[in-house]
């Protein structure tokens, strides 16, 4: 084993240093502050102390506002933001490409397509839409993999193929919306903007549980991500079964994206940006997954707060906010990557 290989292994296994622990602590505190702000800010502004008191009350108007209306939305932002971020880091690691996130390579659009098929064919219950979104994400992942198999696709080719598949699916989605009944089309279009508006315990309770299970499974399988980062040859020599490892990680990542899309619609930017921003906190080692989850939670929670309060009396879908931020970030990332290559 040569010196660069040993360096890569040591760097991947490196525990958090003092700076990393401080940075993780600050990031966790920022998520907590954002969470409390989500419970405090709205048509009725409450102090953080009053919010905490309401969490332990059994009745009353303030409790209804905090526990029944705001708490499920705030928790959904945290859990779903973490899910999207972790899905992004899985695909960026497997493709070895900073642009290889689910929203760029078409999986989010595919999940939306699967949900639209269910919604426009009369099977619009919450469970059937969720199943449709997850199956749509898996089908899109399989299609992208089929189109790039055996062509040295990992890298920029898979991103280009994914963008092409996403464009075709977006056109298909528009066609389905045009042919759908008016009330179905309006409902699907609003949902397609990506919104946490109206998310309550009934809509988010079970999906948050599913997301939690998938996140735990991913954390348990973090050794597979570490082996993929080292490369297929070195990963195999260290005892990894790279084919099955990648397939399992893709299944987890698609499941995370599909569940989130089924509940709140397609959300851009979070899965793309969170892994990169997390590397500013933890560049390598086992702490990166935790930092990525916290970053995703912070991004979606903060974006939802902006969407709720940017325009008075008009709550913007969180997907609109993340799309604007994501467009700016994507331009920056493409320019920076192009400069490095040339």
Protein backbone atom coordinates (compact mmCIF):
# COMPACT_ATOMS: atom_id res chain seq x y z
CA UNK A 1 0.00 0.00 0.00
CA UNK A 2 1.57 3.29 -1.10
CA UNK A 3 1.83 6.48 0.94
CA UNK A 4 -1.07 8.40 -0.73
CA UNK A 5 -3.38 5.45 -0.13
CA UNK A 6 -2.44 5.26 3.55
CA UNK A 7 -3.01 9.02 3.81
CA UNK A 8 -6.50 8.66 2.30
CA UNK A 9 -7.40 5.90 4.73
CA UNK A 10 -6.16 7.85 7.75
CA UNK A 11 -8.02 10.96 6.61
CA UNK A 12 -11.27 9.04 6.12
CA UNK A 13 -11.01 7.52 9.60
CA UNK A 14 -9.88 10.71 11.30
CA UNK A 15 -12.02 11.62 14.34
CA UNK A 16 -13.25 15.14 14.92
CA UNK A 17 -10.64 17.50 16.26
CA UNK A 18 -11.26 20.37 18.63
CA UNK A 19 -12.10 22.76 15.81
CA UNK A 20 -14.47 20.23 14.27
CA UNK A 21 -16.27 19.64 17.56
CA UNK A 22 -16.73 23.37 18.07
CA UNK A 23 -18.01 23.78 14.52
CA UNK A 24 -20.45 20.88 14.94
CA UNK A 25 -21.66 22.37 18.19
CA UNK A 26 -22.29 25.73 16.53
CA UNK A 27 -24.08 24.04 13.64
CA UNK A 28 -26.29 22.07 16.02
CA UNK A 29 -27.06 25.25 17.97
CA UNK A 30 -28.01 27.00 14.72
CA UNK A 31 -30.46 24.18 13.90
CA UNK A 32 -31.99 24.51 17.38
CA UNK A 33 -32.33 28.29 17.02
CA UNK A 34 -33.94 27.88 13.60
CA UNK A 35 -36.31 25.27 15.01
CA UNK A 36 -37.38 27.56 17.87
CA UNK A 37 -37.76 30.45 15.43
CA UNK A 38 -40.12 28.30 13.34
CA UNK A 39 -42.26 27.79 16.44
CA UNK A 40 -42.10 31.44 17.47
CA UNK A 41 -42.53 33.44 14.26
CA UNK A 42 -45.84 33.67 12.41
CA UNK A 43 -49.10 35.60 12.46
CA UNK A 44 -48.86 35.33 16.24
CA UNK A 45 -45.32 36.05 17.42
CA UNK A 46 -44.35 34.22 20.60
CA UNK A 47 -41.27 34.42 22.76
CA UNK A 48 -39.07 31.30 22.95
CA UNK A 49 -39.92 30.93 26.63
CA UNK A 50 -43.65 31.02 25.86
CA UNK A 51 -43.12 28.43 23.14
CA UNK A 52 -41.36 26.06 25.54
CA UNK A 53 -44.15 26.53 28.07
CA UNK A 54 -46.78 25.74 25.42
CA UNK A 55 -45.07 22.44 24.62
CA UNK A 56 -45.90 21.20 28.12
CA UNK A 57 -49.44 22.56 28.29
CA UNK A 58 -52.47 20.30 27.76
CA UNK A 59 -54.92 22.83 26.42
CA UNK A 60 -55.32 26.45 25.36
CA UNK A 61 -55.03 28.56 22.23
CA UNK A 62 -51.26 28.99 22.43
CA UNK A 63 -50.77 25.25 22.74
CA UNK A 64 -52.89 24.69 19.64
CA UNK A 65 -50.83 27.20 17.66
CA UNK A 66 -47.49 25.76 18.78
CA UNK A 67 -48.14 22.02 19.08
CA UNK A 68 -50.89 21.38 16.54
CA UNK A 69 -49.97 23.88 13.83
CA UNK A 70 -46.32 24.87 14.00
CA UNK A 71 -44.55 21.89 15.61
CA UNK A 72 -45.21 19.30 12.86
CA UNK A 73 -44.14 21.78 10.20
CA UNK A 74 -40.95 22.70 12.07
CA UNK A 75 -40.07 19.04 12.69
CA UNK A 76 -40.80 18.19 9.06
CA UNK A 77 -38.39 20.91 7.92
CA UNK A 78 -35.64 19.49 10.13
CA UNK A 79 -36.18 15.82 9.27
CA UNK A 80 -36.81 16.34 5.56
CA UNK A 81 -33.90 18.76 5.20
CA UNK A 82 -31.58 16.19 6.76
CA UNK A 83 -33.00 13.47 4.49
CA UNK A 84 -32.42 15.50 1.32
CA UNK A 85 -28.91 16.44 2.39
CA UNK A 86 -27.91 12.84 3.13
CA UNK A 87 -29.39 11.69 -0.16
CA UNK A 88 -27.27 14.30 -1.91
CA UNK A 89 -24.05 13.21 -0.22
CA UNK A 90 -24.71 9.58 -1.19
CA UNK A 91 -25.08 10.43 -4.88
CA UNK A 92 -22.18 12.86 -4.90
CA UNK A 93 -19.97 10.20 -3.33
CA UNK A 94 -21.06 7.45 -5.72
CA UNK A 95 -20.82 9.61 -8.86
CA UNK A 96 -17.67 11.35 -7.59
CA UNK A 97 -19.17 14.55 -8.93
CA UNK A 98 -20.08 17.71 -6.97
CA UNK A 99 -23.19 18.11 -9.16
CA UNK A 100 -24.43 14.55 -8.64
CA UNK A 101 -27.41 15.34 -6.43
CA UNK A 102 -30.93 13.89 -6.84
CA UNK A 103 -32.43 17.15 -8.10
CA UNK A 104 -29.73 17.61 -10.76
CA UNK A 105 -29.68 14.06 -12.12
CA UNK A 106 -33.47 13.83 -12.32
CA UNK A 107 -34.53 11.69 -9.37
CA UNK A 108 -36.59 14.45 -7.77
CA UNK A 109 -38.36 15.09 -11.08
CA UNK A 110 -38.92 11.35 -11.47
CA UNK A 111 -40.46 11.14 -8.01
CA UNK A 112 -42.76 14.01 -8.98
CA UNK A 113 -43.68 12.13 -12.17
CA UNK A 114 -44.58 9.01 -10.20
CA UNK A 115 -46.76 11.03 -7.84
CA UNK A 116 -48.42 12.85 -10.75
CA UNK A 117 -49.31 9.57 -12.45
CA UNK A 118 -51.13 8.49 -9.29
CA UNK A 119 -52.80 11.85 -8.77
CA UNK A 120 -54.04 12.23 -12.35
CA UNK A 121 -55.37 8.68 -12.61
CA UNK A 122 -57.70 9.02 -9.66
CA UNK A 123 -55.61 7.39 -6.93
CA UNK A 124 -54.88 10.53 -4.99
CA UNK A 125 -54.74 9.21 -1.42
CA UNK A 126 -51.70 10.11 0.63
CA UNK A 127 -50.32 6.57 0.75
CA UNK A 128 -50.75 5.91 -2.97
CA UNK A 129 -49.11 9.23 -3.87
CA UNK A 130 -46.20 8.39 -1.57
CA UNK A 131 -45.79 4.97 -3.17
CA UNK A 132 -45.97 6.54 -6.63
CA UNK A 133 -43.29 9.10 -5.76
CA UNK A 134 -40.93 6.45 -4.38
CA UNK A 135 -41.45 4.14 -7.37
CA UNK A 136 -40.97 7.10 -9.71
CA UNK A 137 -37.64 7.88 -8.06
CA UNK A 138 -36.47 4.27 -8.32
CA UNK A 139 -37.58 4.03 -11.96
CA UNK A 140 -35.69 7.21 -12.84
CA UNK A 141 -32.56 5.97 -11.07
CA UNK A 142 -32.79 2.70 -13.01
CA UNK A 143 -33.26 4.57 -16.30
CA UNK A 144 -30.26 6.83 -15.71
CA UNK A 145 -28.14 3.82 -14.73
CA UNK A 146 -29.27 1.94 -17.85
CA UNK A 147 -28.39 4.83 -20.14
CA UNK A 148 -24.88 5.20 -18.76
CA UNK A 149 -23.95 1.56 -18.09
CA UNK A 150 -20.58 0.56 -19.49
CA UNK A 151 -19.73 3.99 -20.82
CA UNK A 152 -17.50 5.38 -18.12
CA UNK A 153 -20.43 7.40 -16.96
CA UNK A 154 -19.57 8.29 -13.42
CA UNK A 155 -18.64 11.92 -13.39
CA UNK A 156 -19.92 14.52 -15.78
CA UNK A 157 -21.58 12.04 -18.14
CA UNK A 158 -24.06 10.87 -15.53
CA UNK A 159 -24.93 14.49 -14.74
CA UNK A 160 -25.52 15.25 -18.42
CA UNK A 161 -27.67 12.13 -18.85
CA UNK A 162 -29.57 12.97 -15.68
CA UNK A 163 -30.27 16.51 -16.86
CA UNK A 164 -31.57 15.12 -20.15
CA UNK A 165 -33.83 12.61 -18.40
CA UNK A 166 -35.05 15.34 -16.06
CA UNK A 167 -35.96 17.57 -19.02
CA UNK A 168 -37.96 14.78 -20.65
CA UNK A 169 -39.76 14.02 -17.40
CA UNK A 170 -40.50 17.71 -16.84
CA UNK A 171 -42.16 17.84 -20.25
CA UNK A 172 -44.14 14.70 -19.39
CA UNK A 173 -45.23 16.29 -16.12
CA UNK A 174 -46.43 19.42 -17.92
CA UNK A 175 -48.38 17.27 -20.40
CA UNK A 176 -50.07 15.34 -17.57
CA UNK A 177 -51.02 18.59 -15.83
CA UNK A 178 -52.54 19.97 -19.03
CA UNK A 179 -54.67 16.84 -19.53
CA UNK A 180 -55.76 16.50 -15.90
CA UNK A 181 -59.02 17.77 -14.46
CA UNK A 182 -58.80 21.38 -13.36
CA UNK A 183 -59.02 20.71 -9.63
CA UNK A 184 -56.44 17.92 -9.85
CA UNK A 185 -54.09 20.04 -11.96
CA UNK A 186 -54.30 22.97 -9.53
CA UNK A 187 -53.67 20.71 -6.54
CA UNK A 188 -50.75 18.97 -8.27
CA UNK A 189 -49.21 22.26 -9.43
CA UNK A 190 -49.34 23.73 -5.93
CA UNK A 191 -47.87 20.55 -4.48
CA UNK A 192 -45.22 20.54 -7.23
CA UNK A 193 -43.90 23.90 -6.07
CA UNK A 194 -42.63 22.18 -2.91
CA UNK A 195 -44.36 23.48 0.18
CA UNK A 196 -44.60 22.84 3.90
CA UNK A 197 -47.83 24.82 4.07
CA UNK A 198 -50.57 22.78 5.69
CA UNK A 199 -48.25 19.98 6.83
CA UNK A 200 -49.63 18.55 10.06
CA UNK A 201 -49.17 15.46 12.16
CA UNK A 202 -51.38 13.38 9.87
CA UNK A 203 -49.30 14.20 6.79
CA UNK A 204 -45.83 14.19 8.34
CA UNK A 205 -45.95 11.73 11.25
CA UNK A 206 -45.37 8.45 9.41
CA UNK A 207 -43.00 9.94 6.76
CA UNK A 208 -40.79 11.38 9.51
CA UNK A 209 -40.64 7.94 11.11
CA UNK A 210 -39.68 6.34 7.77
CA UNK A 211 -37.05 9.02 7.16
CA UNK A 212 -35.63 8.47 10.66
CA UNK A 213 -35.27 4.73 10.01
CA UNK A 214 -33.56 5.32 6.65
CA UNK A 215 -31.17 7.85 8.21
CA UNK A 216 -30.21 5.38 10.93
CA UNK A 217 -29.63 2.66 8.32
CA UNK A 218 -27.45 5.05 6.32
CA UNK A 219 -25.38 5.94 9.38
CA UNK A 220 -24.89 2.25 10.09
CA UNK A 221 -23.77 1.76 6.49
CA UNK A 222 -21.34 4.69 6.52
CA UNK A 223 -18.39 2.32 6.05
CA UNK A 224 -19.71 1.67 2.55
CA UNK A 225 -19.53 5.39 1.74
CA UNK A 226 -16.01 5.47 3.10
CA UNK A 227 -14.97 2.57 0.85
CA UNK A 228 -16.56 4.25 -2.19
CA UNK A 229 -14.63 7.44 -1.45
CA UNK A 230 -11.41 5.43 -1.54
CA UNK A 231 -12.23 4.06 -5.00
CA UNK A 232 -13.49 0.72 -6.29
CA UNK A 233 -10.09 -1.00 -6.44
CA UNK A 234 -8.99 -0.03 -2.95
CA UNK A 235 -12.48 -0.56 -1.54
CA UNK A 236 -12.55 -4.11 -2.94
CA UNK A 237 -9.09 -4.83 -1.55
CA UNK A 238 -10.33 -3.76 1.89
CA UNK A 239 -13.14 -6.30 1.74
CA UNK A 240 -15.96 -4.25 0.30
CA UNK A 241 -18.47 -5.60 -2.20
CA UNK A 242 -18.70 -2.43 -4.23
CA UNK A 243 -21.58 -3.38 -6.52
CA UNK A 244 -23.98 -4.39 -3.77
CA UNK A 245 -22.77 -1.55 -1.53
CA UNK A 246 -23.56 1.05 -4.17
CA UNK A 247 -26.94 -0.53 -4.93
CA UNK A 248 -27.91 -0.51 -1.26
CA UNK A 249 -26.82 3.09 -0.75
CA UNK A 250 -28.68 4.21 -3.87
CA UNK A 251 -31.82 2.47 -2.59
CA UNK A 252 -31.56 4.35 0.71
CA UNK A 253 -30.93 7.67 -1.02
CA UNK A 254 -33.80 7.24 -3.48
CA UNK A 255 -36.07 6.25 -0.60
CA UNK A 256 -35.16 9.42 1.29
CA UNK A 257 -35.82 11.61 -1.74
CA UNK A 258 -39.04 9.81 -2.64
CA UNK A 259 -40.55 10.05 0.84
CA UNK A 260 -39.81 13.77 1.11
CA UNK A 261 -41.12 14.48 -2.37
CA UNK A 262 -44.30 12.52 -1.65
CA UNK A 263 -45.12 14.72 1.34
CA UNK A 264 -44.00 18.24 0.41
CA UNK A 265 -43.25 18.02 -3.30
CA UNK A 266 -39.91 18.43 -5.11
CA UNK A 267 -37.38 20.56 -3.21
CA UNK A 268 -34.30 21.86 -5.01
CA UNK A 269 -30.90 23.05 -3.74
CA UNK A 270 -30.75 21.32 -0.33
CA UNK A 271 -29.36 17.98 -1.54
CA UNK A 272 -26.93 19.79 -3.84
CA UNK A 273 -25.51 22.36 -1.45
CA UNK A 274 -25.64 20.77 1.99
CA UNK A 275 -22.80 18.23 1.46
CA UNK A 276 -20.49 20.96 0.16
CA UNK A 277 -21.32 23.35 2.96
CA UNK A 278 -20.86 20.55 5.50
CA UNK A 279 -17.31 20.01 4.28
CA UNK A 280 -16.52 23.53 5.44
CA UNK A 281 -17.27 22.21 8.93
CA UNK A 282 -15.95 18.64 8.66
CA UNK A 283 -13.85 17.90 5.59
CA UNK A 284 -13.34 14.19 6.17
CA UNK A 285 -14.13 11.37 8.54
CA UNK A 286 -17.22 9.94 10.14
CA UNK A 287 -18.52 13.32 11.31
CA UNK A 288 -19.28 14.48 7.77
CA UNK A 289 -22.60 12.63 7.59
CA UNK A 290 -23.80 14.23 10.82
CA UNK A 291 -22.63 17.65 9.66
CA UNK A 292 -24.42 17.13 6.34
CA UNK A 293 -27.68 16.18 8.05
CA UNK A 294 -27.50 19.22 10.33
CA UNK A 295 -26.71 21.50 7.39
CA UNK A 296 -29.66 20.19 5.39
CA UNK A 297 -31.96 20.63 8.37
CA UNK A 298 -30.75 24.20 8.84
CA UNK A 299 -31.13 25.07 5.15
CA UNK A 300 -34.70 23.81 4.79
CA UNK A 301 -35.80 25.23 8.14
CA UNK A 302 -34.31 28.65 7.37
CA UNK A 303 -35.78 28.63 3.86
CA UNK A 304 -39.22 27.87 5.28
CA UNK A 305 -38.95 30.76 7.74
CA UNK A 306 -38.01 33.07 4.87
CA UNK A 307 -40.88 31.80 2.76
CA UNK A 308 -43.40 32.34 5.54
CA UNK A 309 -42.31 35.86 6.39
CA UNK A 310 -40.71 37.42 3.31
CA UNK A 311 -44.02 38.64 1.85
CA UNK A 312 -46.54 39.84 4.48
CA UNK A 313 -49.78 37.82 4.56
CA UNK A 314 -48.58 35.62 1.67
CA UNK A 315 -46.62 32.48 2.56
CA UNK A 316 -44.30 31.41 -0.25
CA UNK A 317 -43.69 27.71 -0.90
CA UNK A 318 -40.35 26.67 0.54
CA UNK A 319 -39.48 25.16 -2.85
CA UNK A 320 -39.56 28.61 -4.43
CA UNK A 321 -37.07 29.94 -1.88
CA UNK A 322 -34.69 26.98 -2.25
CA UNK A 323 -34.97 27.15 -6.05
CA UNK A 324 -33.82 30.77 -6.11
CA UNK A 325 -30.96 30.07 -3.71
CA UNK A 326 -30.09 26.88 -5.57
CA UNK A 327 -29.90 28.62 -8.95
CA UNK A 328 -27.35 31.08 -7.63
CA UNK A 329 -25.37 28.34 -5.89
CA UNK A 330 -25.43 26.08 -8.97
CA UNK A 331 -24.00 28.84 -11.16
CA UNK A 332 -21.25 29.42 -8.61
CA UNK A 333 -20.47 25.69 -8.37
CA UNK A 334 -20.36 25.16 -12.15
CA UNK A 335 -18.05 28.15 -12.66
CA UNK A 336 -15.73 27.07 -9.86
CA UNK A 337 -15.60 23.46 -11.09
CA UNK A 338 -14.95 24.57 -14.68
CA UNK A 339 -12.05 26.74 -13.57
CA UNK A 340 -10.51 23.81 -11.71
CA UNK A 341 -10.75 21.56 -14.76
CA UNK A 342 -9.25 24.08 -17.15
